[in-house]
Amino acid sequence: MNLQPILGNFALILFVLMVATGVVWFWDVLVLAKRRRAAADAALAEYDARTAKLLADGIKVDSNGNRAAIEAAHLRQPTWVEYSGSFFPVIALVFFLRSFLWEPFKIPSSSMVPTLLVGDLILVNKYTYGIRLPIINKKIVQLNDPQRGDVMVFKYPKDLSQDYIKRVIGVPGDKITYENKRLTVNGVPVQYTALDDYLDDERPVYHKQFVEKLPGSEHRILNTEPARSFNLDGVENFPQREACDYSYDKFTCTVPAGNYFMMGDNRDNSADSRYWGFVPDKNIVGKAFLVWMNFGDPKRIGSIR
């Protein structure tokens, strides 16, 4: 699923705007404001000298109002400086929040149904897996590692300009087997509990619905009959494919170090690690944790379970 950033893919744009407005703001504080102050002081000194001369000649002058107006006129910021100074803290705050704390996205497709629906507006925790430099996405502080069952946002390995969201199925070193739409993790079959069929909101189709009990996580998944576990023809020649063994309706992959195996909860309607391979740690964006709005269904608001 190619996510739609709420703010657009604007990390670089926000950075450029922040730098541009910040340069103007600092230039004004350090240089322009001092020049305006000096010009105001010179104008006031000239005005005071002229006023003193008039008073000496016996001419009464109301100097207070005129003096204040002269000072205000000389201290007034140019419009472009005023706007830059106003926008800089706002842009800097947005850039900081988006880069280091939380980033909003919109769910545009159904690969994570029933966990995430089309139209969900979600928040992604950017720091739970470590602090990364914005734009280049380089980790500088290691915190937590992704766990099986996490709903994770990452840069699509084939196109780093695209953000994808899937569920973590395998962590480094795990041996993942998927056969007849059932997972086995490190030789232990994953347990499934059948639920009532799920009616697709986008088309009149019922899907088989199950609770999948990964080690340390329980969540719902969908299967569509009579689709196979995966389409062997769609499997690509991805990096470290030698770690996987594919057959007609089964595959086994050992997750390489520093990589993760991702799958969508809508299993038969998801292009994921089954087809395009592993997600390197360097591609991680963050952990999805909250649906903060769905304008078509406000009841969706809440934590992602």
C-alpha atoms as a PDB file:
ATOM      1  CA  MET A   1       0.000   0.000   0.000  1.00  0.00           C
ATOM      2  CA  ASN A   2       1.467   3.307  -1.109  1.00  0.00           C
ATOM      3  CA  LEU A   3       0.548   5.729   1.690  1.00  0.00           C
ATOM      4  CA  GLN A   4      -0.554   9.281   1.060  1.00  0.00           C
ATOM      5  CA  PRO A   5       1.245  11.721   3.391  1.00  0.00           C
ATOM      6  CA  ILE A   6      -1.228  14.252   4.849  1.00  0.00           C
ATOM      7  CA  LEU A   7       1.299  17.018   4.377  1.00  0.00           C
ATOM      8  CA  GLY A   8       2.489  15.619   1.086  1.00  0.00           C
ATOM      9  CA  ASN A   9       6.000  14.315   0.620  1.00  0.00           C
ATOM     10  CA  PHE A  10       7.303  17.645   1.912  1.00  0.00           C
ATOM     11  CA  ALA A  11      10.271  16.855   4.140  1.00  0.00           C
ATOM     12  CA  LEU A  12      12.694  18.548   1.761  1.00  0.00           C
ATOM     13  CA  ILE A  13      10.273  21.383   0.975  1.00  0.00           C
ATOM     14  CA  LEU A  14       9.673  22.044   4.674  1.00  0.00           C
ATOM     15  CA  PHE A  15      13.405  21.982   5.311  1.00  0.00           C
ATOM     16  CA  VAL A  16      14.103  24.492   2.539  1.00  0.00           C
ATOM     17  CA  LEU A  17      11.299  26.769   3.766  1.00  0.00           C
ATOM     18  CA  MET A  18      12.520  26.503   7.341  1.00  0.00           C
ATOM     19  CA  VAL A  19      16.073  27.381   6.340  1.00  0.00           C
ATOM     20  CA  ALA A  20      14.960  30.271   4.103  1.00  0.00           C
ATOM     21  CA  THR A  21      12.627  31.834   6.667  1.00  0.00           C
ATOM     22  CA  GLY A  22      15.123  31.116   9.451  1.00  0.00           C
ATOM     23  CA  VAL A  23      17.920  32.909   7.601  1.00  0.00           C
ATOM     24  CA  VAL A  24      15.674  35.947   7.136  1.00  0.00           C
ATOM     25  CA  TRP A  25      14.614  35.853  10.802  1.00  0.00           C
ATOM     26  CA  PHE A  26      18.189  35.624  12.117  1.00  0.00           C
ATOM     27  CA  TRP A  27      19.407  38.236   9.622  1.00  0.00           C
ATOM     28  CA  ASP A  28      16.697  40.569  10.867  1.00  0.00           C
ATOM     29  CA  VAL A  29      17.547  39.957  14.540  1.00  0.00           C
ATOM     30  CA  LEU A  30      21.302  40.239  14.088  1.00  0.00           C
ATOM     31  CA  VAL A  31      21.584  42.853  11.329  1.00  0.00           C
ATOM     32  CA  LEU A  32      18.440  44.523  10.042  1.00  0.00           C
ATOM     33  CA  ALA A  33      16.930  45.315  13.446  1.00  0.00           C
ATOM     34  CA  LYS A  34      20.160  47.028  14.511  1.00  0.00           C
ATOM     35  CA  ARG A  35      20.179  49.064  11.303  1.00  0.00           C
ATOM     36  CA  ARG A  36      16.578  50.113  11.866  1.00  0.00           C
ATOM     37  CA  ARG A  37      17.401  51.048  15.454  1.00  0.00           C
ATOM     38  CA  ALA A  38      20.359  53.122  14.328  1.00  0.00           C
ATOM     39  CA  ALA A  39      18.282  54.865  11.660  1.00  0.00           C
ATOM     40  CA  ALA A  40      15.531  55.543  14.210  1.00  0.00           C
ATOM     41  CA  ASP A  41      18.021  56.948  16.703  1.00  0.00           C
ATOM     42  CA  ALA A  42      19.492  59.233  14.047  1.00  0.00           C
ATOM     43  CA  ALA A  43      16.032  60.429  12.985  1.00  0.00           C
ATOM     44  CA  LEU A  44      15.041  61.034  16.607  1.00  0.00           C
ATOM     45  CA  ALA A  45      18.245  62.947  17.304  1.00  0.00           C
ATOM     46  CA  GLU A  46      17.591  65.147  14.277  1.00  0.00           C
ATOM     47  CA  TYR A  47      13.982  65.658  15.370  1.00  0.00           C
ATOM     48  CA  ASP A  48      15.038  66.473  18.937  1.00  0.00           C
ATOM     49  CA  ALA A  49      17.574  69.039  17.679  1.00  0.00           C
ATOM     50  CA  ARG A  50      14.962  70.668  15.457  1.00  0.00           C
ATOM     51  CA  THR A  51      12.417  70.684  18.284  1.00  0.00           C
ATOM     52  CA  ALA A  52      14.931  72.232  20.695  1.00  0.00           C
ATOM     53  CA  LYS A  53      15.644  75.001  18.184  1.00  0.00           C
ATOM     54  CA  LEU A  54      11.945  75.738  17.751  1.00  0.00           C
ATOM     55  CA  LEU A  55      11.449  75.860  21.520  1.00  0.00           C
ATOM     56  CA  ALA A  56      14.424  78.179  21.829  1.00  0.00           C
ATOM     57  CA  ASP A  57      12.765  80.465  19.314  1.00  0.00           C
ATOM     58  CA  GLY A  58       9.617  80.465  21.451  1.00  0.00           C
ATOM     59  CA  ILE A  59       7.601  78.159  19.206  1.00  0.00           C
ATOM     60  CA  LYS A  60       5.530  75.599  21.121  1.00  0.00           C
ATOM     61  CA  VAL A  61       5.795  72.049  19.702  1.00  0.00           C
ATOM     62  CA  ASP A  62       3.828  68.892  20.650  1.00  0.00           C
ATOM     63  CA  SER A  63       6.813  66.585  20.300  1.00  0.00           C
ATOM     64  CA  ASN A  64       5.655  63.373  22.003  1.00  0.00           C
ATOM     65  CA  GLY A  65       3.232  62.167  19.330  1.00  0.00           C
ATOM     66  CA  ASN A  66       5.480  63.099  16.418  1.00  0.00           C
ATOM     67  CA  ARG A  67       8.504  61.547  18.073  1.00  0.00           C
ATOM     68  CA  ALA A  68       6.692  58.207  18.627  1.00  0.00           C
ATOM     69  CA  ALA A  69       5.453  58.162  15.033  1.00  0.00           C
ATOM     70  CA  ILE A  70       8.965  58.777  13.683  1.00  0.00           C
ATOM     71  CA  GLU A  71      10.404  55.985  15.816  1.00  0.00           C
ATOM     72  CA  ALA A  72       7.664  53.507  14.838  1.00  0.00           C
ATOM     73  CA  ALA A  73       8.089  54.294  11.140  1.00  0.00           C
ATOM     74  CA  HIS A  74      11.825  53.607  11.251  1.00  0.00           C
ATOM     75  CA  LEU A  75      11.516  50.444  13.362  1.00  0.00           C
ATOM     76  CA  ARG A  76       8.746  48.886  11.252  1.00  0.00           C
ATOM     77  CA  GLN A  77       9.840  45.645   9.566  1.00  0.00           C
ATOM     78  CA  PRO A  78       9.534  45.323   5.787  1.00  0.00           C
ATOM     79  CA  THR A  79       6.557  43.142   4.863  1.00  0.00           C
ATOM     80  CA  TRP A  80       8.699  40.275   3.530  1.00  0.00           C
ATOM     81  CA  VAL A  81      10.749  40.241   6.732  1.00  0.00           C
ATOM     82  CA  GLU A  82       7.631  40.377   8.901  1.00  0.00           C
ATOM     83  CA  TYR A  83       6.018  37.433   7.095  1.00  0.00           C
ATOM     84  CA  SER A  84       9.228  35.389   7.179  1.00  0.00           C
ATOM     85  CA  GLY A  85       9.561  35.992  10.894  1.00  0.00           C
ATOM     86  CA  SER A  86       5.942  34.944  11.451  1.00  0.00           C
ATOM     87  CA  PHE A  87       6.187  31.764   9.373  1.00  0.00           C
ATOM     88  CA  PHE A  88       9.586  30.578  10.620  1.00  0.00           C
ATOM     89  CA  PRO A  89       8.506  29.243  14.059  1.00  0.00           C
ATOM     90  CA  VAL A  90       5.416  27.573  12.559  1.00  0.00           C
ATOM     91  CA  ILE A  91       7.395  25.866   9.784  1.00  0.00           C
ATOM     92  CA  ALA A  92      10.141  24.890  12.234  1.00  0.00           C
ATOM     93  CA  LEU A  93       7.576  23.351  14.611  1.00  0.00           C
ATOM     94  CA  VAL A  94       5.883  21.380  11.813  1.00  0.00           C
ATOM     95  CA  PHE A  95       9.259  20.196  10.536  1.00  0.00           C
ATOM     96  CA  PHE A  96      10.330  19.069  14.011  1.00  0.00           C
ATOM     97  CA  LEU A  97       7.058  17.270  14.783  1.00  0.00           C
ATOM     98  CA  ARG A  98       6.922  15.592  11.378  1.00  0.00           C
ATOM     99  CA  SER A  99      10.582  14.598  11.359  1.00  0.00           C
ATOM    100  CA  PHE A 100      11.124  13.395  14.930  1.00  0.00           C
ATOM    101  CA  LEU A 101       7.782  12.736  16.638  1.00  0.00           C
ATOM    102  CA  TRP A 102       4.681  11.998  14.564  1.00  0.00           C
ATOM    103  CA  GLU A 103       3.832  12.048  10.886  1.00  0.00           C
ATOM    104  CA  PRO A 104       0.271  11.867   9.495  1.00  0.00           C
ATOM    105  CA  PHE A 105      -0.702   9.659   6.562  1.00  0.00           C
ATOM    106  CA  LYS A 106      -3.897   8.725   4.765  1.00  0.00           C
ATOM    107  CA  ILE A 107      -4.775   5.111   3.944  1.00  0.00           C
ATOM    108  CA  PRO A 108      -5.623   5.010   0.203  1.00  0.00           C
ATOM    109  CA  SER A 109      -6.173   1.276  -0.415  1.00  0.00           C
ATOM    110  CA  SER A 110      -7.407  -1.911   1.216  1.00  0.00           C
ATOM    111  CA  SER A 111      -4.255  -4.013   1.711  1.00  0.00           C
ATOM    112  CA  MET A 112      -4.439  -3.584   5.518  1.00  0.00           C
ATOM    113  CA  VAL A 113      -8.189  -4.217   5.906  1.00  0.00           C
ATOM    114  CA  PRO A 114      -9.690  -5.010   8.405  1.00  0.00           C
ATOM    115  CA  THR A 115      -7.097  -3.265  10.626  1.00  0.00           C
ATOM    116  CA  LEU A 116      -6.944  -0.080   8.529  1.00  0.00           C
ATOM    117  CA  LEU A 117      -9.683   1.046   6.174  1.00  0.00           C
ATOM    118  CA  VAL A 118      -9.578   3.264   3.120  1.00  0.00           C
ATOM    119  CA  GLY A 119      -9.871   6.865   4.316  1.00  0.00           C
ATOM    120  CA  ASP A 120      -8.313   6.314   7.745  1.00  0.00           C
ATOM    121  CA  LEU A 121      -6.059   9.188   8.748  1.00  0.00           C
ATOM    122  CA  ILE A 122      -3.287   7.725  10.851  1.00  0.00           C
ATOM    123  CA  LEU A 123      -0.381   8.949  12.955  1.00  0.00           C
ATOM    124  CA  VAL A 124       3.017   7.271  12.791  1.00  0.00           C
ATOM    125  CA  ASN A 125       5.449   7.344  15.708  1.00  0.00           C
ATOM    126  CA  LYS A 126       8.782   8.435  14.206  1.00  0.00           C
ATOM    127  CA  TYR A 127      11.003   7.810  17.241  1.00  0.00           C
ATOM    128  CA  THR A 128       9.919   4.456  18.676  1.00  0.00           C
ATOM    129  CA  TYR A 129      12.389   2.539  16.473  1.00  0.00           C
ATOM    130  CA  GLY A 130      15.151   5.121  16.838  1.00  0.00           C
ATOM    131  CA  ILE A 131      15.854   8.732  15.990  1.00  0.00           C
ATOM    132  CA  ARG A 132      16.658   9.383  12.339  1.00  0.00           C
ATOM    133  CA  LEU A 133      17.900  12.413  10.511  1.00  0.00           C
ATOM    134  CA  PRO A 134      15.127  13.916   8.373  1.00  0.00           C
ATOM    135  CA  ILE A 135      15.287  13.766   4.577  1.00  0.00           C
ATOM    136  CA  ILE A 136      18.136  11.211   4.454  1.00  0.00           C
ATOM    137  CA  ASN A 137      16.397   8.936   7.032  1.00  0.00           C
ATOM    138  CA  LYS A 138      19.710   7.928   8.646  1.00  0.00           C
ATOM    139  CA  LYS A 139      19.402   6.489  12.147  1.00  0.00           C
ATOM    140  CA  ILE A 140      21.539   8.317  14.720  1.00  0.00           C
ATOM    141  CA  VAL A 141      20.071   6.916  17.955  1.00  0.00           C
ATOM    142  CA  GLN A 142      19.000   3.291  18.391  1.00  0.00           C
ATOM    143  CA  LEU A 143      15.936   2.733  20.581  1.00  0.00           C
ATOM    144  CA  ASN A 144      13.518  -0.177  20.089  1.00  0.00           C
ATOM    145  CA  ASP A 145      13.464  -2.839  17.387  1.00  0.00           C
ATOM    146  CA  PRO A 146      10.314  -3.665  15.417  1.00  0.00           C
ATOM    147  CA  GLN A 147       8.378  -6.587  16.852  1.00  0.00           C
ATOM    148  CA  ARG A 148       6.234  -9.204  15.143  1.00  0.00           C
ATOM    149  CA  GLY A 149       2.742  -7.842  14.789  1.00  0.00           C
ATOM    150  CA  ASP A 150       3.737  -4.166  14.615  1.00  0.00           C
ATOM    151  CA  VAL A 151       2.034  -2.108  11.919  1.00  0.00           C
ATOM    152  CA  MET A 152       5.015  -0.375  10.368  1.00  0.00           C
ATOM    153  CA  VAL A 153       5.524   2.339   7.781  1.00  0.00           C
ATOM    154  CA  PHE A 154       8.626   2.083   5.614  1.00  0.00           C
ATOM    155  CA  LYS A 155      10.174   3.264   2.379  1.00  0.00           C
ATOM    156  CA  TYR A 156       9.228   0.901  -0.442  1.00  0.00           C
ATOM    157  CA  PRO A 157      12.491  -0.904  -1.312  1.00  0.00           C
ATOM    158  CA  LYS A 158      11.917  -0.525  -5.063  1.00  0.00           C
ATOM    159  CA  ASP A 159      11.102   3.196  -4.873  1.00  0.00           C
ATOM    160  CA  LEU A 160      12.289   5.106  -1.814  1.00  0.00           C
ATOM    161  CA  SER A 161      10.031   8.037  -2.668  1.00  0.00           C
ATOM    162  CA  GLN A 162       6.999   5.913  -1.718  1.00  0.00           C
ATOM    163  CA  ASP A 163       5.879   5.122   1.834  1.00  0.00           C
ATOM    164  CA  TYR A 164       4.268   1.715   2.415  1.00  0.00           C
ATOM    165  CA  ILE A 165       2.472   0.269   5.420  1.00  0.00           C
ATOM    166  CA  LYS A 166       2.310  -3.437   6.325  1.00  0.00           C
ATOM    167  CA  ARG A 167       2.487  -5.698   9.364  1.00  0.00           C
ATOM    168  CA  VAL A 168       5.787  -7.087  10.632  1.00  0.00           C
ATOM    169  CA  ILE A 169       5.603 -10.875  10.253  1.00  0.00           C
ATOM    170  CA  GLY A 170       9.267 -11.799  10.526  1.00  0.00           C
ATOM    171  CA  VAL A 171      12.198 -10.153  12.330  1.00  0.00           C
ATOM    172  CA  PRO A 172      15.891 -10.823  11.622  1.00  0.00           C
ATOM    173  CA  GLY A 173      16.712 -14.512  11.904  1.00  0.00           C
ATOM    174  CA  ASP A 174      13.099 -15.725  11.732  1.00  0.00           C
ATOM    175  CA  LYS A 175      12.223 -18.615   9.439  1.00  0.00           C
ATOM    176  CA  ILE A 176       8.838 -17.827   7.884  1.00  0.00           C
ATOM    177  CA  THR A 177       6.776 -20.427   6.052  1.00  0.00           C
ATOM    178  CA  TYR A 178       3.493 -19.586   4.328  1.00  0.00           C
ATOM    179  CA  GLU A 179       1.497 -22.533   3.017  1.00  0.00           C
ATOM    180  CA  ASN A 180      -2.200 -22.830   2.256  1.00  0.00           C
ATOM    181  CA  LYS A 181      -2.653 -19.317   3.704  1.00  0.00           C
ATOM    182  CA  ARG A 182      -1.234 -20.298   7.063  1.00  0.00           C
ATOM    183  CA  LEU A 183       1.979 -19.047   8.672  1.00  0.00           C
ATOM    184  CA  THR A 184       4.631 -20.980  10.517  1.00  0.00           C
ATOM    185  CA  VAL A 185       7.239 -18.970  12.436  1.00  0.00           C
ATOM    186  CA  ASN A 186      10.472 -20.732  13.424  1.00  0.00           C
ATOM    187  CA  GLY A 187       8.811 -24.115  13.046  1.00  0.00           C
ATOM    188  CA  VAL A 188       5.795 -23.253  15.206  1.00  0.00           C
ATOM    189  CA  PRO A 189       2.450 -23.071  13.368  1.00  0.00           C
ATOM    190  CA  VAL A 190       0.603 -19.818  13.990  1.00  0.00           C
ATOM    191  CA  GLN A 191      -2.833 -20.304  15.547  1.00  0.00           C
ATOM    192  CA  TYR A 192      -5.959 -19.071  13.747  1.00  0.00           C
ATOM    193  CA  THR A 193      -9.473 -18.541  15.086  1.00  0.00           C
ATOM    194  CA  ALA A 194     -12.308 -18.198  12.580  1.00  0.00           C
ATOM    195  CA  LEU A 195     -14.623 -15.190  12.834  1.00  0.00           C
ATOM    196  CA  ASP A 196     -17.754 -14.214  10.921  1.00  0.00           C
ATOM    197  CA  ASP A 197     -17.151 -13.453   7.261  1.00  0.00           C
ATOM    198  CA  TYR A 198     -16.142  -9.880   6.470  1.00  0.00           C
ATOM    199  CA  LEU A 199     -18.152  -7.846   3.954  1.00  0.00           C
ATOM    200  CA  ASP A 200     -15.974  -5.706   1.717  1.00  0.00           C
ATOM    201  CA  ASP A 201     -16.986  -2.025   1.896  1.00  0.00           C
ATOM    202  CA  GLU A 202     -15.823  -1.356  -1.659  1.00  0.00           C
ATOM    203  CA  ARG A 203     -17.565  -4.228  -3.434  1.00  0.00           C
ATOM    204  CA  PRO A 204     -20.168  -6.861  -2.510  1.00  0.00           C
ATOM    205  CA  VAL A 205     -17.667  -9.599  -1.643  1.00  0.00           C
ATOM    206  CA  TYR A 206     -17.363 -11.613   1.546  1.00  0.00           C
ATOM    207  CA  HIS A 207     -13.920 -12.580   2.851  1.00  0.00           C
ATOM    208  CA  LYS A 208     -12.977 -15.277   5.299  1.00  0.00           C
ATOM    209  CA  GLN A 209     -11.918 -13.581   8.531  1.00  0.00           C
ATOM    210  CA  PHE A 210      -9.579 -14.939  11.201  1.00  0.00           C
ATOM    211  CA  VAL A 211      -7.737 -13.886  14.330  1.00  0.00           C
ATOM    212  CA  GLU A 212      -4.061 -14.585  13.666  1.00  0.00           C
ATOM    213  CA  LYS A 213      -1.971 -15.184  16.801  1.00  0.00           C
ATOM    214  CA  LEU A 214       1.593 -14.323  15.988  1.00  0.00           C
ATOM    215  CA  PRO A 215       4.061 -14.725  18.878  1.00  0.00           C
ATOM    216  CA  GLY A 216       3.335 -11.658  20.995  1.00  0.00           C
ATOM    217  CA  SER A 217       0.499 -10.327  18.832  1.00  0.00           C
ATOM    218  CA  GLU A 218      -3.119 -10.994  17.905  1.00  0.00           C
ATOM    219  CA  HIS A 219      -4.853  -9.299  14.983  1.00  0.00           C
ATOM    220  CA  ARG A 220      -7.474  -9.931  12.354  1.00  0.00           C
ATOM    221  CA  ILE A 221      -6.698 -10.981   8.794  1.00  0.00           C
ATOM    222  CA  LEU A 222      -8.753 -11.663   5.681  1.00  0.00           C
ATOM    223  CA  ASN A 223      -8.563 -14.462   3.118  1.00  0.00           C
ATOM    224  CA  THR A 224     -10.339 -14.473  -0.220  1.00  0.00           C
ATOM    225  CA  GLU A 225     -11.493 -17.700  -1.805  1.00  0.00           C
ATOM    226  CA  PRO A 226     -10.451 -19.233  -4.142  1.00  0.00           C
ATOM    227  CA  ALA A 227      -7.246 -17.176  -4.378  1.00  0.00           C
ATOM    228  CA  ARG A 228      -3.960 -19.014  -3.815  1.00  0.00           C
ATOM    229  CA  SER A 229      -1.507 -18.152  -1.041  1.00  0.00           C
ATOM    230  CA  PHE A 230       0.386 -16.020  -3.523  1.00  0.00           C
ATOM    231  CA  ASN A 231       0.903 -15.645  -7.248  1.00  0.00           C
ATOM    232  CA  LEU A 232       4.205 -17.293  -8.074  1.00  0.00           C
ATOM    233  CA  ASP A 233       4.367 -15.407 -11.370  1.00  0.00           C
ATOM    234  CA  GLY A 234       4.370 -12.116  -9.486  1.00  0.00           C
ATOM    235  CA  VAL A 235       7.453 -12.884  -7.397  1.00  0.00           C
ATOM    236  CA  GLU A 236      10.283 -10.537  -8.346  1.00  0.00           C
ATOM    237  CA  ASN A 237      14.049 -10.960  -8.309  1.00  0.00           C
ATOM    238  CA  PHE A 238      14.585  -8.996  -5.106  1.00  0.00           C
ATOM    239  CA  PRO A 239      17.822  -8.610  -3.090  1.00  0.00           C
ATOM    240  CA  GLN A 240      18.680 -11.718  -1.003  1.00  0.00           C
ATOM    241  CA  ARG A 241      16.025 -13.772  -2.709  1.00  0.00           C
ATOM    242  CA  GLU A 242      18.326 -16.739  -2.163  1.00  0.00           C
ATOM    243  CA  ALA A 243      17.064 -16.673   1.448  1.00  0.00           C
ATOM    244  CA  CYS A 244      13.654 -17.828   0.144  1.00  0.00           C
ATOM    245  CA  ASP A 245      12.418 -21.068  -1.365  1.00  0.00           C
ATOM    246  CA  TYR A 246       9.257 -20.838  -3.488  1.00  0.00           C
ATOM    247  CA  SER A 247       6.921 -23.526  -4.783  1.00  0.00           C
ATOM    248  CA  TYR A 248       3.405 -23.463  -6.234  1.00  0.00           C
ATOM    249  CA  ASP A 249       1.477 -22.666  -3.022  1.00  0.00           C
ATOM    250  CA  LYS A 250       4.214 -22.434  -0.431  1.00  0.00           C
ATOM    251  CA  PHE A 251       7.325 -20.469   0.366  1.00  0.00           C
ATOM    252  CA  THR A 252       9.879 -20.399   3.134  1.00  0.00           C
ATOM    253  CA  CYS A 253      12.083 -17.392   3.870  1.00  0.00           C
ATOM    254  CA  THR A 254      14.780 -16.872   6.466  1.00  0.00           C
ATOM    255  CA  VAL A 255      14.827 -13.177   7.276  1.00  0.00           C
ATOM    256  CA  PRO A 256      18.364 -11.770   6.806  1.00  0.00           C
ATOM    257  CA  ALA A 257      20.057  -9.693   9.495  1.00  0.00           C
ATOM    258  CA  GLY A 258      18.920  -6.068   9.471  1.00  0.00           C
ATOM    259  CA  ASN A 259      15.759  -6.868   7.490  1.00  0.00           C
ATOM    260  CA  TYR A 260      12.051  -7.500   8.106  1.00  0.00           C
ATOM    261  CA  PHE A 261       9.384  -9.592   6.404  1.00  0.00           C
ATOM    262  CA  MET A 262       6.153  -7.636   5.889  1.00  0.00           C
ATOM    263  CA  MET A 263       2.619  -8.732   4.931  1.00  0.00           C
ATOM    264  CA  GLY A 264      -0.721  -6.978   4.580  1.00  0.00           C
ATOM    265  CA  ASP A 265      -3.654  -8.103   6.737  1.00  0.00           C
ATOM    266  CA  ASN A 266      -5.817  -8.401   3.611  1.00  0.00           C
ATOM    267  CA  ARG A 267      -3.647 -11.323   2.618  1.00  0.00           C
ATOM    268  CA  ASP A 268      -4.951 -12.039  -0.863  1.00  0.00           C
ATOM    269  CA  ASN A 269      -5.089  -8.356  -1.812  1.00  0.00           C
ATOM    270  CA  SER A 270      -1.653  -7.160  -0.750  1.00  0.00           C
ATOM    271  CA  ALA A 271       1.613  -6.743  -2.637  1.00  0.00           C
ATOM    272  CA  ASP A 272       4.175  -7.324   0.092  1.00  0.00           C
ATOM    273  CA  SER A 273       7.372  -9.178   1.026  1.00  0.00           C
ATOM    274  CA  ARG A 274       6.038 -12.290  -0.668  1.00  0.00           C
ATOM    275  CA  TYR A 275       6.586 -10.531  -3.990  1.00  0.00           C
ATOM    276  CA  TRP A 276       9.166  -7.740  -3.619  1.00  0.00           C
ATOM    277  CA  GLY A 277      11.262  -8.990  -0.731  1.00  0.00           C
ATOM    278  CA  PHE A 278      12.576  -7.814   2.606  1.00  0.00           C
ATOM    279  CA  VAL A 279      12.505  -4.339   4.159  1.00  0.00           C
ATOM    280  CA  PRO A 280      15.946  -3.142   5.351  1.00  0.00           C
ATOM    281  CA  ASP A 281      16.171  -1.380   8.703  1.00  0.00           C
ATOM    282  CA  LYS A 282      17.393   1.765   6.925  1.00  0.00           C
ATOM    283  CA  ASN A 283      13.991   2.020   5.167  1.00  0.00           C
ATOM    284  CA  ILE A 284      11.939   2.179   8.376  1.00  0.00           C
ATOM    285  CA  VAL A 285       9.829   5.310   8.868  1.00  0.00           C
ATOM    286  CA  GLY A 286       7.968   4.469  12.070  1.00  0.00           C
ATOM    287  CA  LYS A 287       5.190   2.594  13.832  1.00  0.00           C
ATOM    288  CA  ALA A 288       1.529   3.356  13.079  1.00  0.00           C
ATOM    289  CA  PHE A 289      -0.309   3.736  16.383  1.00  0.00           C
ATOM    290  CA  LEU A 290      -3.439   5.861  15.972  1.00  0.00           C
ATOM    291  CA  VAL A 291      -6.374   6.491  13.657  1.00  0.00           C
ATOM    292  CA  TRP A 292      -7.017  10.148  14.421  1.00  0.00           C
ATOM    293  CA  MET A 293      -9.848  10.651  11.916  1.00  0.00           C
ATOM    294  CA  ASN A 294     -11.912   9.011   9.209  1.00  0.00           C
ATOM    295  CA  PHE A 295     -14.336  11.573   7.780  1.00  0.00           C
ATOM    296  CA  GLY A 296     -16.544   8.826   6.395  1.00  0.00           C
ATOM    297  CA  ASP A 297     -16.692   6.958   9.712  1.00  0.00           C
ATOM    298  CA  PRO A 298     -15.654   8.990  12.805  1.00  0.00           C
ATOM    299  CA  LYS A 299     -16.143   5.889  14.971  1.00  0.00           C
ATOM    300  CA  ARG A 300     -12.859   4.649  13.545  1.00  0.00           C
ATOM    301  CA  ILE A 301     -10.941   7.081  15.747  1.00  0.00           C
ATOM    302  CA  GLY A 302      -8.720   5.254  18.218  1.00  0.00           C
ATOM    303  CA  SER A 303      -5.544   3.269  18.658  1.00  0.00           C
ATOM    304  CA  ILE A 304      -4.515   0.744  16.030  1.00  0.00           C
ATOM    305  CA  ARG A 305      -4.997  -2.740  17.392  1.00  0.00           C
END
